[in-house]
Amino acid sequence: MDPRQASVSGLDDWVRRHPVTADALLAVALALVLAPTSVTLVWATDWPLAGRAAILTVLLAAHVTVAGRRWKPLLAYLVCSLAMLALALAPDLTMRVGSELAGGTAPPILLPSALVYVVVLYSVAAWARPPGPTVGLVVGLVGAGLTTVRLSMDGTWLVEPTGQPSGGWRLFVLAALVAAVLAPWGFGRLRLARTAAVEQDRTDRAERAVTAERSRIAREMHDVVAHSLAVIVRQAEGGRFAAAKDPRLAAEALSTVATTGRQALADMRGVLGRLHQDEPTDTAPQPTVEDLPALVERVRRTGLPVELTTTGSARPLDRAVSLAAYRVVQEALTNVVKHAGQDATAGVRVDWSGGDLRVEVADDGAGPPSPAGAGEGHGLAGMRERVSLAGGRLAAGPRPGSAGRGFAVEAVLPTRRGLDPT
């Protein structure tokens, strides 16, 4: 980022965090710029001391309203408008040099300090709640008309060189004052619209993040629960028939059910624990490619023959990529257990020999897995989404050359992504 942009961004952040302090500093800055000339002109008039003190008090009130322009925008605007009305109704200031009249006169509404009205009008348009902005616009336009009338009554301001009143000058001054009202009011409304757009964008991004997190958690829960329940159901069905012949086989099946259930609970705690990051959780790390042998062994204990083949030399992987590879194998084997039939066999191939990691799960079962749930981001659609988020691609379909039997899932995942240091 450009240093100047960084400086402006830092100033904006500070102003958003300290709005009252920022407005107080702005009020002081405007007072230092505008007030000295205004005070000098008021003090040099031939008014009585009480009259000069009254005008100075009005000017002070107008400057103070700048400090409350965001805290109480409508109240600050109404007070500033009353101050401008007092300046418009006040008689002309007659300049005095020493003990002699200088001959010049000026309506107090033309004092430099009257410019604070523009700042406060912008503020009521930008930050006041309805109907504050509308009130500000109406009062400003009425004030423009009153100021035009006030200058017309002077006899020295809106006249021709011949000394006669000029209708053209009146229209010009009225148009200029109306523009002076519409410009800050319009900029204030533009600021409000931009702020609303920024807030809406921030809200939309937060909602998208929540939706993405929900989808991620749904994928994790599906992967964990679907696989574990498939294993448990298969073991329970096998154990029921084995119990009549060999109680020892039934005991082994129940042991596998218990182990799988405990693992599923641990995985679910890990997933749900991430929903409460502010609470301490004691969860196991997410599975990786290195955990595939254990996964295959658990599936073998269900009675499904599975062969794991690894080629090439393993390399460090990004955590998301490694988890995606594990989940693809887990989901594919779950589908085999659920849909391929009792006599099916499966093979898992992990190939590191190329530039990418290729993971393939193929079976010789009765047909492809059920697409149920795919429309909800689970099943094959969930696998494809997970692989895509990890930077890879996934293909799934009938196994080539199998005469209509068997199904194959292959994921190609990158091995050169920036590694997660954790």
Protein backbone atom coordinates (compact mmCIF):
# COMPACT_ATOMS: atom_id res chain seq x y z
CA MET A 1 0.00 0.00 0.00
CA ASP A 2 1.15 3.52 -0.83
CA PRO A 3 2.44 5.32 2.33
CA ARG A 4 -0.01 8.18 1.74
CA GLN A 5 -2.92 5.76 1.38
CA ALA A 6 -1.82 3.97 4.53
CA SER A 7 -1.67 7.30 6.36
CA VAL A 8 -5.17 8.29 5.21
CA SER A 9 -6.53 4.85 6.09
CA GLY A 10 -4.96 5.06 9.53
CA LEU A 11 -6.49 8.51 10.08
CA ASP A 12 -9.93 7.24 9.02
CA ASP A 13 -9.66 4.32 11.43
CA TRP A 14 -8.69 6.68 14.26
CA VAL A 15 -11.62 9.00 13.48
CA ARG A 16 -14.07 6.05 13.49
CA ARG A 17 -12.78 4.94 16.87
CA HIS A 18 -12.77 8.46 18.41
CA PRO A 19 -15.58 10.43 16.70
CA VAL A 20 -16.23 12.83 19.60
CA THR A 21 -12.54 13.70 19.96
CA ALA A 22 -12.17 14.13 16.20
CA ASP A 23 -15.15 16.49 16.03
CA ALA A 24 -13.87 18.49 19.00
CA LEU A 25 -10.52 18.91 17.24
CA LEU A 26 -12.32 19.97 14.05
CA ALA A 27 -14.30 22.56 16.00
CA VAL A 28 -11.08 23.96 17.47
CA ALA A 29 -9.42 24.04 14.04
CA LEU A 30 -12.33 25.91 12.46
CA ALA A 31 -12.41 28.34 15.36
CA LEU A 32 -8.69 29.06 14.96
CA VAL A 33 -9.18 29.76 11.24
CA LEU A 34 -12.50 31.64 11.21
CA ALA A 35 -13.01 33.14 14.65
CA PRO A 36 -10.12 35.67 14.79
CA THR A 37 -11.41 37.66 11.79
CA SER A 38 -15.02 37.43 13.01
CA VAL A 39 -14.11 38.60 16.50
CA THR A 40 -12.02 41.46 15.12
CA LEU A 41 -14.86 42.68 12.90
CA VAL A 42 -17.42 42.47 15.72
CA TRP A 43 -15.15 44.22 18.21
CA ALA A 44 -14.40 47.03 15.76
CA THR A 45 -18.08 47.95 15.31
CA ASP A 46 -19.67 50.94 17.02
CA TRP A 47 -22.19 48.75 18.83
CA PRO A 48 -22.57 48.95 22.60
CA LEU A 49 -20.55 46.46 24.59
CA ALA A 50 -23.65 44.36 25.37
CA GLY A 51 -24.51 44.04 21.67
CA ARG A 52 -20.99 42.99 20.75
CA ALA A 53 -20.94 40.46 23.59
CA ALA A 54 -24.27 39.02 22.38
CA ILE A 55 -22.98 38.54 18.82
CA LEU A 56 -19.77 36.95 20.10
CA THR A 57 -21.86 34.56 22.21
CA VAL A 58 -23.86 33.57 19.12
CA LEU A 59 -20.64 32.95 17.19
CA LEU A 60 -19.30 30.82 20.04
CA ALA A 61 -22.48 28.71 20.06
CA ALA A 62 -22.19 28.17 16.31
CA HIS A 63 -18.59 26.98 16.64
CA VAL A 64 -19.46 24.65 19.53
CA THR A 65 -22.12 22.86 17.46
CA VAL A 66 -19.34 21.44 15.27
CA ALA A 67 -18.15 19.37 18.23
CA GLY A 68 -21.56 17.66 18.48
CA ARG A 69 -22.20 17.17 14.78
CA ARG A 70 -22.07 13.34 14.99
CA TRP A 71 -23.02 12.86 18.63
CA LYS A 72 -26.30 14.83 18.31
CA PRO A 73 -26.49 15.86 14.64
CA LEU A 74 -30.06 17.20 14.56
CA LEU A 75 -29.70 19.11 17.84
CA ALA A 76 -26.38 20.58 16.72
CA TYR A 77 -27.91 21.62 13.41
CA LEU A 78 -30.94 23.30 14.99
CA VAL A 79 -28.73 25.24 17.42
CA CYS A 80 -26.46 26.32 14.56
CA SER A 81 -29.49 27.34 12.49
CA LEU A 82 -30.80 29.50 15.37
CA ALA A 83 -27.37 31.11 15.57
CA MET A 84 -27.47 31.87 11.83
CA LEU A 85 -30.99 33.32 12.24
CA ALA A 86 -29.74 35.62 15.00
CA LEU A 87 -26.89 36.78 12.77
CA ALA A 88 -29.32 37.39 9.89
CA LEU A 89 -31.70 39.44 12.02
CA ALA A 90 -28.96 41.50 13.69
CA PRO A 91 -28.31 45.03 12.37
CA ASP A 92 -25.29 45.76 10.23
CA LEU A 93 -21.87 46.02 11.77
CA THR A 94 -20.40 49.50 11.37
CA MET A 95 -16.64 49.48 11.19
CA ARG A 96 -14.69 51.90 13.39
CA VAL A 97 -11.00 52.76 13.12
CA GLY A 98 -9.81 54.30 16.34
CA SER A 99 -12.44 56.82 17.38
CA GLU A 100 -13.68 57.45 13.82
CA LEU A 101 -16.27 55.56 11.82
CA ALA A 102 -14.70 53.90 8.77
CA GLY A 103 -17.98 54.06 6.87
CA GLY A 104 -18.18 50.34 5.94
CA THR A 105 -21.05 48.17 7.06
CA ALA A 106 -21.68 44.42 6.82
CA PRO A 107 -24.51 42.12 7.93
CA PRO A 108 -23.29 39.74 10.68
CA ILE A 109 -24.50 36.78 8.58
CA LEU A 110 -21.49 37.43 6.31
CA LEU A 111 -18.94 36.95 9.09
CA PRO A 112 -16.43 34.14 8.34
CA SER A 113 -17.68 32.09 11.31
CA ALA A 114 -21.01 31.60 9.49
CA LEU A 115 -19.21 29.00 7.34
CA VAL A 116 -19.51 26.46 10.17
CA TYR A 117 -23.16 26.15 9.13
CA VAL A 118 -22.06 24.32 5.99
CA VAL A 119 -20.19 21.72 8.07
CA VAL A 120 -23.12 21.15 10.41
CA LEU A 121 -25.59 20.91 7.49
CA TYR A 122 -23.42 18.22 5.90
CA SER A 123 -23.38 16.37 9.22
CA VAL A 124 -27.16 16.35 9.71
CA ALA A 125 -27.58 14.97 6.18
CA ALA A 126 -24.96 12.27 6.76
CA TRP A 127 -25.66 11.09 10.31
CA ALA A 128 -29.07 12.23 11.55
CA ARG A 129 -31.90 9.74 11.69
CA PRO A 130 -35.03 10.46 9.65
CA PRO A 131 -36.62 12.96 9.48
CA GLY A 132 -33.44 14.85 10.47
CA PRO A 133 -31.97 15.12 6.95
CA THR A 134 -35.28 16.36 5.53
CA VAL A 135 -35.61 18.91 8.32
CA GLY A 136 -32.07 20.07 7.59
CA LEU A 137 -32.81 20.57 3.89
CA VAL A 138 -36.07 22.48 4.49
CA VAL A 139 -34.54 24.72 7.15
CA GLY A 140 -31.53 25.37 4.92
CA LEU A 141 -33.65 26.41 1.93
CA VAL A 142 -35.79 28.67 4.10
CA GLY A 143 -32.62 30.17 5.52
CA ALA A 144 -31.32 30.84 2.02
CA GLY A 145 -34.50 32.79 1.25
CA LEU A 146 -34.35 34.76 4.51
CA THR A 147 -30.69 35.61 3.92
CA THR A 148 -31.51 36.88 0.43
CA VAL A 149 -34.27 39.08 1.87
CA ARG A 150 -31.91 40.34 4.58
CA LEU A 151 -29.26 41.34 2.06
CA SER A 152 -31.93 43.03 -0.10
CA MET A 153 -32.95 45.24 2.82
CA ASP A 154 -29.44 46.55 3.32
CA GLY A 155 -29.40 49.10 0.51
CA THR A 156 -25.72 48.62 -0.26
CA TRP A 157 -25.45 44.95 -1.24
CA LEU A 158 -28.04 43.99 -3.85
CA VAL A 159 -28.29 47.24 -5.82
CA GLU A 160 -27.31 48.52 -9.24
CA PRO A 161 -24.50 51.07 -9.57
CA THR A 162 -27.28 53.68 -9.84
CA GLY A 163 -28.36 52.80 -6.32
CA GLN A 164 -31.59 51.09 -7.36
CA PRO A 165 -32.42 47.57 -6.15
CA SER A 166 -31.46 44.84 -8.62
CA GLY A 167 -33.79 41.90 -9.20
CA GLY A 168 -31.05 40.10 -11.13
CA TRP A 169 -28.65 40.28 -8.21
CA ARG A 170 -31.33 38.98 -5.88
CA LEU A 171 -31.88 35.94 -8.09
CA PHE A 172 -28.15 35.37 -8.39
CA VAL A 173 -27.59 35.54 -4.63
CA LEU A 174 -30.63 33.33 -3.98
CA ALA A 175 -29.33 30.73 -6.46
CA ALA A 176 -25.88 30.86 -4.91
CA LEU A 177 -27.26 30.40 -1.39
CA VAL A 178 -29.51 27.53 -2.51
CA ALA A 179 -26.49 25.87 -4.11
CA ALA A 180 -24.55 26.45 -0.89
CA VAL A 181 -27.30 24.51 0.91
CA LEU A 182 -27.78 21.73 -1.62
CA ALA A 183 -24.08 20.97 -2.07
CA PRO A 184 -23.20 20.03 1.55
CA TRP A 185 -26.59 18.38 2.03
CA GLY A 186 -26.06 16.28 -1.11
CA PHE A 187 -22.53 15.31 -0.08
CA GLY A 188 -23.89 14.29 3.31
CA ARG A 189 -26.49 12.04 1.73
CA LEU A 190 -23.80 10.56 -0.53
CA ARG A 191 -21.69 9.85 2.53
CA LEU A 192 -24.67 8.12 4.14
CA ALA A 193 -25.25 5.99 1.04
CA ARG A 194 -21.59 5.00 0.85
CA THR A 195 -21.51 4.14 4.54
CA ALA A 196 -24.65 2.04 4.15
CA ALA A 197 -23.12 0.27 1.15
CA VAL A 198 -19.94 -0.48 3.10
CA GLU A 199 -21.93 -1.82 6.04
CA GLN A 200 -24.08 -3.94 3.72
CA ASP A 201 -20.96 -5.34 2.06
CA ARG A 202 -19.48 -6.10 5.47
CA THR A 203 -22.72 -7.84 6.49
CA ASP A 204 -22.83 -9.81 3.24
CA ARG A 205 -19.22 -10.94 3.67
CA ALA A 206 -19.96 -12.01 7.24
CA GLU A 207 -23.02 -13.96 6.08
CA ARG A 208 -21.02 -15.62 3.30
CA ALA A 209 -18.36 -16.58 5.83
CA VAL A 210 -21.00 -18.07 8.12
CA THR A 211 -22.55 -19.99 5.20
CA ALA A 212 -19.15 -21.30 4.13
CA GLU A 213 -18.38 -22.38 7.70
CA ARG A 214 -21.73 -24.14 7.95
CA SER A 215 -21.03 -25.96 4.69
CA ARG A 216 -17.59 -26.97 5.92
CA ILE A 217 -19.00 -28.28 9.18
CA ALA A 218 -21.77 -30.10 7.30
CA ARG A 219 -19.15 -31.81 5.14
CA GLU A 220 -17.11 -32.77 8.20
CA MET A 221 -20.16 -34.13 10.03
CA HIS A 222 -21.27 -36.09 6.96
CA ASP A 223 -17.82 -37.57 6.45
CA VAL A 224 -17.50 -38.57 10.09
CA VAL A 225 -21.03 -39.81 10.74
CA ALA A 226 -21.72 -41.50 7.39
CA HIS A 227 -18.50 -43.51 7.44
CA SER A 228 -18.79 -44.53 11.08
CA LEU A 229 -22.47 -45.50 10.84
CA ALA A 230 -21.83 -47.53 7.68
CA VAL A 231 -19.11 -49.49 9.47
CA ILE A 232 -21.24 -49.94 12.58
CA VAL A 233 -24.29 -51.12 10.60
CA ARG A 234 -22.25 -53.62 8.61
CA GLN A 235 -20.59 -54.99 11.76
CA ALA A 236 -23.90 -55.19 13.58
CA GLU A 237 -25.52 -57.13 10.75
CA GLY A 238 -22.54 -59.47 10.48
CA GLY A 239 -22.35 -59.94 14.25
CA ARG A 240 -26.02 -60.88 14.44
CA PHE A 241 -25.51 -63.83 12.08
CA ALA A 242 -22.11 -64.77 13.53
CA ALA A 243 -23.44 -64.97 17.08
CA ALA A 244 -25.44 -68.08 16.23
CA LYS A 245 -22.34 -69.89 14.94
CA ASP A 246 -19.33 -68.52 16.79
CA PRO A 247 -19.73 -66.14 19.78
CA ARG A 248 -16.08 -65.15 19.39
CA LEU A 249 -16.80 -63.61 15.98
CA ALA A 250 -19.72 -61.71 17.48
CA ALA A 251 -17.43 -60.35 20.19
CA GLU A 252 -14.96 -59.15 17.56
CA ALA A 253 -17.77 -57.43 15.66
CA LEU A 254 -18.96 -55.71 18.84
CA SER A 255 -15.39 -54.61 19.57
CA THR A 256 -15.15 -53.04 16.12
CA VAL A 257 -18.51 -51.32 16.68
CA ALA A 258 -17.30 -49.88 19.98
CA THR A 259 -13.97 -48.72 18.51
CA THR A 260 -15.67 -47.11 15.53
CA GLY A 261 -18.23 -45.42 17.77
CA ARG A 262 -15.52 -43.98 20.03
CA GLN A 263 -13.61 -42.69 17.00
CA ALA A 264 -16.78 -41.11 15.62
CA LEU A 265 -17.45 -39.38 18.94
CA ALA A 266 -13.89 -38.07 19.05
CA ASP A 267 -14.17 -36.77 15.49
CA MET A 268 -17.51 -35.12 16.22
CA ARG A 269 -16.07 -33.42 19.29
CA GLY A 270 -13.29 -32.11 17.10
CA VAL A 271 -15.75 -30.70 14.57
CA LEU A 272 -18.12 -29.22 17.14
CA GLY A 273 -15.24 -27.93 19.22
CA ARG A 274 -14.32 -25.55 16.41
CA LEU A 275 -17.74 -23.93 16.83
CA HIS A 276 -16.61 -22.76 20.26
CA GLN A 277 -13.11 -21.44 19.68
CA ASP A 278 -13.35 -19.40 22.89
CA GLU A 279 -13.73 -22.58 24.94
CA PRO A 280 -10.77 -24.89 25.59
CA THR A 281 -11.13 -28.18 23.78
CA ASP A 282 -9.09 -31.35 23.96
CA THR A 283 -9.51 -32.83 20.50
CA ALA A 284 -7.45 -35.07 18.29
CA PRO A 285 -5.84 -33.55 15.20
CA GLN A 286 -7.59 -33.82 11.84
CA PRO A 287 -6.79 -37.02 9.91
CA THR A 288 -4.26 -36.90 7.07
CA VAL A 289 -2.96 -39.11 4.27
CA GLU A 290 -0.76 -40.84 6.84
CA ASP A 291 -3.91 -42.15 8.54
CA LEU A 292 -5.16 -43.98 5.44
CA PRO A 293 -3.72 -47.40 6.48
CA ALA A 294 -5.69 -47.23 9.74
CA LEU A 295 -8.83 -46.22 7.85
CA VAL A 296 -8.43 -49.11 5.42
CA GLU A 297 -7.89 -51.52 8.29
CA ARG A 298 -11.11 -50.40 9.98
CA VAL A 299 -13.03 -50.97 6.76
CA ARG A 300 -11.46 -54.42 6.35
CA ARG A 301 -12.81 -55.37 9.76
CA THR A 302 -16.32 -54.82 8.39
CA GLY A 303 -15.74 -57.75 6.04
CA LEU A 304 -15.02 -55.72 2.92
CA PRO A 305 -11.73 -56.79 1.28
CA VAL A 306 -9.72 -53.62 0.65
CA GLU A 307 -6.24 -53.40 -0.83
CA LEU A 308 -4.11 -50.29 -0.27
CA THR A 309 -1.37 -49.55 -2.82
CA THR A 310 1.09 -46.69 -2.51
CA THR A 311 3.52 -45.69 -5.27
CA GLY A 312 6.16 -42.99 -5.26
CA SER A 313 7.69 -41.11 -2.35
CA ALA A 314 5.41 -39.27 0.03
CA ARG A 315 5.92 -35.52 0.35
CA PRO A 316 4.75 -32.92 2.89
CA LEU A 317 1.29 -31.62 2.07
CA ASP A 318 -0.76 -28.59 2.93
CA ARG A 319 -3.09 -29.54 5.78
CA ALA A 320 -6.25 -28.87 3.73
CA VAL A 321 -4.95 -31.03 0.87
CA SER A 322 -4.03 -33.90 3.17
CA LEU A 323 -7.42 -33.78 4.89
CA ALA A 324 -9.18 -33.67 1.49
CA ALA A 325 -7.32 -36.79 0.34
CA TYR A 326 -8.29 -38.64 3.52
CA ARG A 327 -11.95 -37.60 3.28
CA VAL A 328 -12.18 -38.68 -0.37
CA VAL A 329 -10.98 -42.16 0.50
CA GLN A 330 -13.23 -42.28 3.56
CA GLU A 331 -16.35 -41.20 1.64
CA ALA A 332 -15.61 -43.50 -1.31
CA LEU A 333 -15.11 -46.54 0.95
CA THR A 334 -18.27 -45.61 2.86
CA ASN A 335 -20.19 -45.67 -0.42
CA VAL A 336 -18.69 -49.06 -1.25
CA VAL A 337 -19.77 -50.45 2.13
CA LYS A 338 -23.27 -49.04 1.74
CA HIS A 339 -23.99 -49.66 -1.95
CA ALA A 340 -21.57 -52.12 -3.61
CA GLY A 341 -23.00 -55.31 -2.16
CA GLN A 342 -21.76 -58.11 0.09
CA ASP A 343 -19.39 -59.71 -2.43
CA ALA A 344 -17.66 -56.52 -3.52
CA THR A 345 -13.96 -55.81 -3.15
CA ALA A 346 -12.23 -52.45 -3.26
CA GLY A 347 -8.81 -51.02 -3.98
CA VAL A 348 -7.23 -47.79 -2.78
CA ARG A 349 -4.32 -46.40 -4.78
CA VAL A 350 -2.19 -43.49 -3.55
CA ASP A 351 0.19 -42.30 -6.25
CA TRP A 352 2.98 -39.82 -5.43
CA SER A 353 5.02 -40.48 -8.56
CA GLY A 354 3.75 -37.47 -10.55
CA GLY A 355 3.76 -33.79 -9.80
CA ASP A 356 0.36 -34.11 -8.08
CA LEU A 357 -1.04 -36.56 -5.57
CA ARG A 358 -3.51 -38.98 -7.14
CA VAL A 359 -5.90 -40.87 -4.90
CA GLU A 360 -8.18 -43.49 -6.43
CA VAL A 361 -10.79 -45.76 -4.88
CA ALA A 362 -12.33 -48.40 -7.15
CA ASP A 363 -14.64 -51.34 -6.45
CA ASP A 364 -16.20 -54.21 -8.41
CA GLY A 365 -19.60 -53.95 -6.81
CA ALA A 366 -23.10 -53.91 -8.24
CA GLY A 367 -23.18 -50.29 -9.33
CA PRO A 368 -22.52 -46.66 -8.49
CA PRO A 369 -23.32 -45.16 -5.10
CA SER A 370 -26.66 -43.56 -4.48
CA PRO A 371 -26.73 -39.87 -5.26
CA ALA A 372 -28.88 -39.17 -2.25
CA GLY A 373 -27.77 -36.07 -0.46
CA ALA A 374 -25.71 -34.77 -3.36
CA GLY A 375 -27.99 -31.83 -3.75
CA GLU A 376 -27.27 -30.88 -0.17
CA GLY A 377 -23.52 -30.75 -0.66
CA HIS A 378 -22.89 -34.30 0.60
CA GLY A 379 -21.90 -37.52 -1.15
CA LEU A 380 -20.08 -37.11 -4.44
CA ALA A 381 -20.96 -33.41 -4.62
CA GLY A 382 -19.44 -32.88 -1.18
CA MET A 383 -16.26 -34.72 -2.24
CA ARG A 384 -16.00 -32.64 -5.40
CA GLU A 385 -16.45 -29.39 -3.44
CA ARG A 386 -13.85 -30.38 -0.85
CA VAL A 387 -11.31 -31.31 -3.52
CA SER A 388 -12.00 -28.09 -5.42
CA LEU A 389 -11.44 -26.00 -2.30
CA ALA A 390 -8.09 -27.78 -1.85
CA GLY A 391 -7.10 -26.76 -5.39
CA GLY A 392 -7.65 -30.15 -7.05
CA ARG A 393 -10.18 -31.91 -9.25
CA LEU A 394 -12.28 -35.04 -8.85
CA ALA A 395 -13.67 -37.56 -11.32
CA ALA A 396 -16.21 -40.26 -10.51
CA GLY A 397 -18.03 -42.81 -12.64
CA PRO A 398 -18.29 -46.47 -13.64
CA ARG A 399 -14.96 -48.27 -13.56
CA PRO A 400 -13.49 -48.52 -17.08
CA GLY A 401 -13.61 -52.02 -18.63
CA SER A 402 -15.82 -53.44 -15.90
CA ALA A 403 -18.85 -54.28 -18.06
CA GLY A 404 -21.15 -52.09 -16.02
CA ARG A 405 -19.94 -53.32 -12.63
CA GLY A 406 -17.90 -51.30 -10.19
CA PHE A 407 -17.38 -47.62 -9.55
CA ALA A 408 -14.23 -45.51 -9.39
CA VAL A 409 -13.46 -42.19 -7.72
CA GLU A 410 -10.20 -40.38 -8.49
CA ALA A 411 -8.94 -37.16 -6.94
CA VAL A 412 -5.95 -35.20 -8.21
CA LEU A 413 -4.59 -32.88 -5.54
CA PRO A 414 -1.72 -30.38 -5.68
CA THR A 415 1.42 -31.04 -3.66
CA ARG A 416 3.04 -27.64 -4.17
CA ARG A 417 0.62 -25.35 -2.35
CA GLY A 418 2.03 -23.14 0.39
CA LEU A 419 2.41 -25.42 3.37
CA ASP A 420 0.62 -24.56 6.58
CA PRO A 421 3.36 -24.03 9.18
CA THR A 422 1.10 -25.28 11.90
